N, C-alpha and C. Protein backbone atom coordinates (compact mmCIF):
# COMPACT_ATOMS: atom_id res chain seq x y z
N MET A 1 0.98 -10.80 0.75
CA MET A 1 0.15 -9.72 0.27
C MET A 1 -0.93 -10.24 -0.67
N ASN A 2 -0.56 -11.18 -1.55
CA ASN A 2 -1.55 -11.74 -2.46
C ASN A 2 -2.68 -12.43 -1.70
N GLN A 3 -2.32 -13.16 -0.66
CA GLN A 3 -3.32 -13.88 0.13
C GLN A 3 -4.24 -12.90 0.86
N ALA A 4 -3.69 -11.84 1.42
CA ALA A 4 -4.50 -10.83 2.12
C ALA A 4 -5.45 -10.13 1.15
N MET A 5 -4.97 -9.81 -0.04
CA MET A 5 -5.81 -9.15 -1.04
C MET A 5 -6.94 -10.09 -1.49
N ALA A 6 -6.62 -11.36 -1.73
CA ALA A 6 -7.63 -12.33 -2.14
C ALA A 6 -8.69 -12.49 -1.06
N SER A 7 -8.26 -12.54 0.19
CA SER A 7 -9.20 -12.66 1.31
C SER A 7 -10.10 -11.44 1.40
N ALA A 8 -9.54 -10.27 1.23
CA ALA A 8 -10.33 -9.03 1.27
C ALA A 8 -11.38 -9.01 0.17
N VAL A 9 -10.99 -9.42 -1.02
CA VAL A 9 -11.93 -9.45 -2.15
C VAL A 9 -13.04 -10.46 -1.88
N THR A 10 -12.68 -11.64 -1.39
CA THR A 10 -13.66 -12.68 -1.09
C THR A 10 -14.65 -12.22 -0.03
N ASN A 11 -14.18 -11.46 0.95
CA ASN A 11 -15.03 -10.99 2.05
C ASN A 11 -15.69 -9.65 1.77
N ASN A 12 -15.61 -9.19 0.52
CA ASN A 12 -16.23 -7.92 0.10
C ASN A 12 -15.72 -6.72 0.89
N ALA A 13 -14.47 -6.77 1.32
CA ALA A 13 -13.87 -5.61 2.01
C ALA A 13 -13.70 -4.49 0.99
N ARG A 14 -13.72 -3.27 1.46
CA ARG A 14 -13.54 -2.12 0.57
C ARG A 14 -12.19 -1.46 0.76
N ILE A 15 -11.61 -1.56 1.96
CA ILE A 15 -10.35 -0.87 2.25
C ILE A 15 -9.39 -1.83 2.96
N LEU A 16 -8.15 -1.84 2.49
CA LEU A 16 -7.07 -2.58 3.16
C LEU A 16 -6.07 -1.57 3.68
N LEU A 17 -5.57 -1.80 4.86
CA LEU A 17 -4.50 -0.98 5.41
C LEU A 17 -3.20 -1.74 5.22
N VAL A 18 -2.29 -1.19 4.42
CA VAL A 18 -1.01 -1.83 4.13
C VAL A 18 0.08 -1.03 4.84
N VAL A 19 0.77 -1.66 5.78
CA VAL A 19 1.83 -0.99 6.52
C VAL A 19 3.15 -1.23 5.78
N THR A 20 3.76 -0.14 5.32
CA THR A 20 5.01 -0.23 4.56
C THR A 20 6.21 0.18 5.38
N GLY A 21 5.98 0.83 6.48
CA GLY A 21 7.08 1.35 7.30
C GLY A 21 7.31 2.82 6.98
N LYS A 22 7.75 3.54 7.96
CA LYS A 22 8.01 4.97 7.78
C LYS A 22 9.19 5.20 6.85
N PRO A 23 9.12 6.24 6.04
CA PRO A 23 10.30 6.57 5.21
C PRO A 23 11.43 7.03 6.12
N PRO A 24 12.67 6.82 5.69
CA PRO A 24 13.80 7.23 6.53
C PRO A 24 13.85 8.75 6.67
N LYS A 25 14.36 9.19 7.80
CA LYS A 25 14.54 10.64 7.99
C LYS A 25 15.58 11.12 6.99
N MET A 26 15.36 12.28 6.43
CA MET A 26 16.27 12.82 5.43
C MET A 26 17.57 13.27 6.11
N THR A 27 18.64 12.73 5.64
CA THR A 27 19.96 13.15 6.12
C THR A 27 20.82 13.41 4.90
N GLU A 28 21.91 14.06 5.10
CA GLU A 28 22.80 14.35 3.98
C GLU A 28 23.34 13.07 3.36
N LYS A 29 23.58 12.05 4.17
CA LYS A 29 24.14 10.79 3.67
C LYS A 29 23.09 9.92 2.98
N ALA A 30 21.85 9.96 3.46
CA ALA A 30 20.82 9.04 2.96
C ALA A 30 20.37 9.39 1.55
N GLY A 31 20.16 10.64 1.26
CA GLY A 31 19.67 11.02 -0.06
C GLY A 31 18.17 10.80 -0.18
N ALA A 32 17.57 11.40 -1.18
CA ALA A 32 16.12 11.36 -1.34
C ALA A 32 15.63 10.03 -1.91
N SER A 33 16.48 9.27 -2.57
CA SER A 33 16.01 8.06 -3.24
C SER A 33 16.04 6.81 -2.37
N ARG A 34 16.58 6.88 -1.18
CA ARG A 34 16.70 5.71 -0.31
C ARG A 34 15.36 5.36 0.33
N ARG A 35 14.91 4.12 0.14
CA ARG A 35 13.65 3.66 0.72
C ARG A 35 13.79 2.21 1.16
N GLY A 36 12.87 1.77 2.01
CA GLY A 36 12.86 0.37 2.40
C GLY A 36 12.38 -0.50 1.25
N ALA A 37 12.61 -1.79 1.36
CA ALA A 37 12.27 -2.73 0.29
C ALA A 37 10.77 -2.76 0.01
N ILE A 38 9.96 -2.84 1.03
CA ILE A 38 8.51 -2.90 0.83
C ILE A 38 8.01 -1.58 0.26
N ARG A 39 8.42 -0.50 0.87
CA ARG A 39 7.97 0.82 0.42
C ARG A 39 8.40 1.08 -1.03
N GLY A 40 9.57 0.63 -1.39
CA GLY A 40 10.08 0.86 -2.73
C GLY A 40 9.36 0.07 -3.81
N GLU A 41 8.79 -1.08 -3.45
CA GLU A 41 8.17 -1.96 -4.44
C GLU A 41 6.64 -1.98 -4.40
N ILE A 42 6.02 -1.41 -3.38
CA ILE A 42 4.57 -1.54 -3.23
C ILE A 42 3.80 -0.94 -4.41
N GLY A 43 4.24 0.19 -4.91
CA GLY A 43 3.54 0.80 -6.05
C GLY A 43 3.57 -0.09 -7.27
N HIS A 44 4.73 -0.65 -7.57
CA HIS A 44 4.86 -1.55 -8.72
C HIS A 44 3.99 -2.79 -8.53
N TRP A 45 4.02 -3.36 -7.33
CA TRP A 45 3.22 -4.55 -7.07
C TRP A 45 1.73 -4.26 -7.23
N LEU A 46 1.27 -3.14 -6.70
CA LEU A 46 -0.15 -2.81 -6.80
C LEU A 46 -0.58 -2.59 -8.25
N GLU A 47 0.29 -2.03 -9.06
CA GLU A 47 -0.04 -1.78 -10.47
C GLU A 47 0.01 -3.04 -11.32
N THR A 48 0.89 -3.97 -11.01
CA THR A 48 1.10 -5.13 -11.88
C THR A 48 0.71 -6.46 -11.25
N GLY A 49 0.33 -6.47 -9.99
CA GLY A 49 0.01 -7.71 -9.29
C GLY A 49 -1.27 -8.35 -9.79
N PRO A 50 -1.55 -9.55 -9.32
CA PRO A 50 -2.72 -10.30 -9.79
C PRO A 50 -4.07 -9.66 -9.43
N HIS A 51 -4.07 -8.73 -8.50
CA HIS A 51 -5.33 -8.09 -8.09
C HIS A 51 -5.40 -6.63 -8.54
N ALA A 52 -4.53 -6.22 -9.44
CA ALA A 52 -4.47 -4.82 -9.87
C ALA A 52 -5.82 -4.33 -10.40
N HIS A 53 -6.53 -5.17 -11.12
CA HIS A 53 -7.81 -4.77 -11.70
C HIS A 53 -8.90 -4.56 -10.64
N GLN A 54 -8.66 -5.01 -9.42
CA GLN A 54 -9.64 -4.86 -8.35
C GLN A 54 -9.36 -3.65 -7.46
N ILE A 55 -8.32 -2.90 -7.76
CA ILE A 55 -7.95 -1.74 -6.95
C ILE A 55 -8.51 -0.47 -7.58
N ALA A 56 -9.28 0.28 -6.80
CA ALA A 56 -9.84 1.54 -7.28
C ALA A 56 -8.86 2.69 -7.07
N SER A 57 -8.20 2.74 -5.92
CA SER A 57 -7.22 3.79 -5.65
C SER A 57 -6.35 3.42 -4.45
N VAL A 58 -5.30 4.20 -4.28
CA VAL A 58 -4.37 4.02 -3.16
C VAL A 58 -4.13 5.39 -2.55
N ARG A 59 -4.23 5.47 -1.24
CA ARG A 59 -4.06 6.74 -0.52
C ARG A 59 -3.13 6.56 0.67
N ILE A 60 -2.46 7.63 1.06
CA ILE A 60 -1.66 7.61 2.29
C ILE A 60 -2.61 7.53 3.48
N ALA A 61 -2.27 6.73 4.45
CA ALA A 61 -3.12 6.52 5.62
C ALA A 61 -3.17 7.75 6.52
N HIS A 62 -4.24 7.84 7.29
CA HIS A 62 -4.39 8.88 8.30
C HIS A 62 -3.27 8.69 9.33
N PRO A 63 -2.79 9.77 9.95
CA PRO A 63 -1.70 9.64 10.94
C PRO A 63 -1.96 8.61 12.04
N ARG A 64 -3.18 8.46 12.51
CA ARG A 64 -3.43 7.48 13.57
C ARG A 64 -3.42 6.03 13.05
N HIS A 65 -3.42 5.87 11.71
CA HIS A 65 -3.33 4.54 11.11
C HIS A 65 -1.96 4.28 10.50
N GLY A 66 -1.01 5.17 10.75
CA GLY A 66 0.34 4.95 10.27
C GLY A 66 0.89 6.07 9.41
N GLY A 67 0.03 6.98 8.95
CA GLY A 67 0.49 8.14 8.18
C GLY A 67 1.36 7.76 7.00
N ASP A 68 2.55 8.35 6.92
CA ASP A 68 3.47 8.09 5.81
C ASP A 68 3.98 6.65 5.79
N GLY A 69 3.76 5.91 6.85
CA GLY A 69 4.25 4.54 6.91
C GLY A 69 3.21 3.50 6.54
N ALA A 70 2.06 3.96 6.01
CA ALA A 70 1.00 3.02 5.65
C ALA A 70 0.16 3.58 4.51
N LEU A 71 -0.53 2.69 3.84
CA LEU A 71 -1.38 3.07 2.71
C LEU A 71 -2.76 2.45 2.88
N TYR A 72 -3.79 3.15 2.39
CA TYR A 72 -5.10 2.56 2.24
C TYR A 72 -5.19 2.09 0.79
N VAL A 73 -5.54 0.84 0.59
CA VAL A 73 -5.81 0.32 -0.75
C VAL A 73 -7.33 0.18 -0.83
N ILE A 74 -7.96 1.00 -1.69
CA ILE A 74 -9.40 0.99 -1.83
C ILE A 74 -9.76 0.06 -2.98
N LEU A 75 -10.59 -0.93 -2.68
CA LEU A 75 -10.97 -1.92 -3.69
C LEU A 75 -12.24 -1.50 -4.42
N ARG A 76 -12.34 -1.93 -5.66
CA ARG A 76 -13.53 -1.64 -6.46
C ARG A 76 -14.72 -2.40 -5.89
N ARG A 77 -15.90 -1.82 -6.09
CA ARG A 77 -17.13 -2.49 -5.69
C ARG A 77 -17.43 -3.62 -6.67
N LYS A 78 -18.01 -4.67 -6.16
CA LYS A 78 -18.44 -5.76 -7.04
C LYS A 78 -19.72 -5.34 -7.74
N LYS A 79 -19.83 -5.72 -8.98
CA LYS A 79 -21.05 -5.38 -9.75
C LYS A 79 -22.05 -6.49 -9.67
């Protein structure tokens, strides 16, 4: 992830599509707090990672780009 973010910044990309995987279907046994490893840690990584200062916002992807299983990471413009 760090390498992809660094490459995007170097190439002046504005949006990264990060595929985290779909959340599990809600079942009585699973509970609301159960998530995959990537999905569970992506928010923390984006806030505290080495490129956090270059992120303008994070949004859920459009359904044709993965919907709940993916995120758009919008990068800040270079000044």
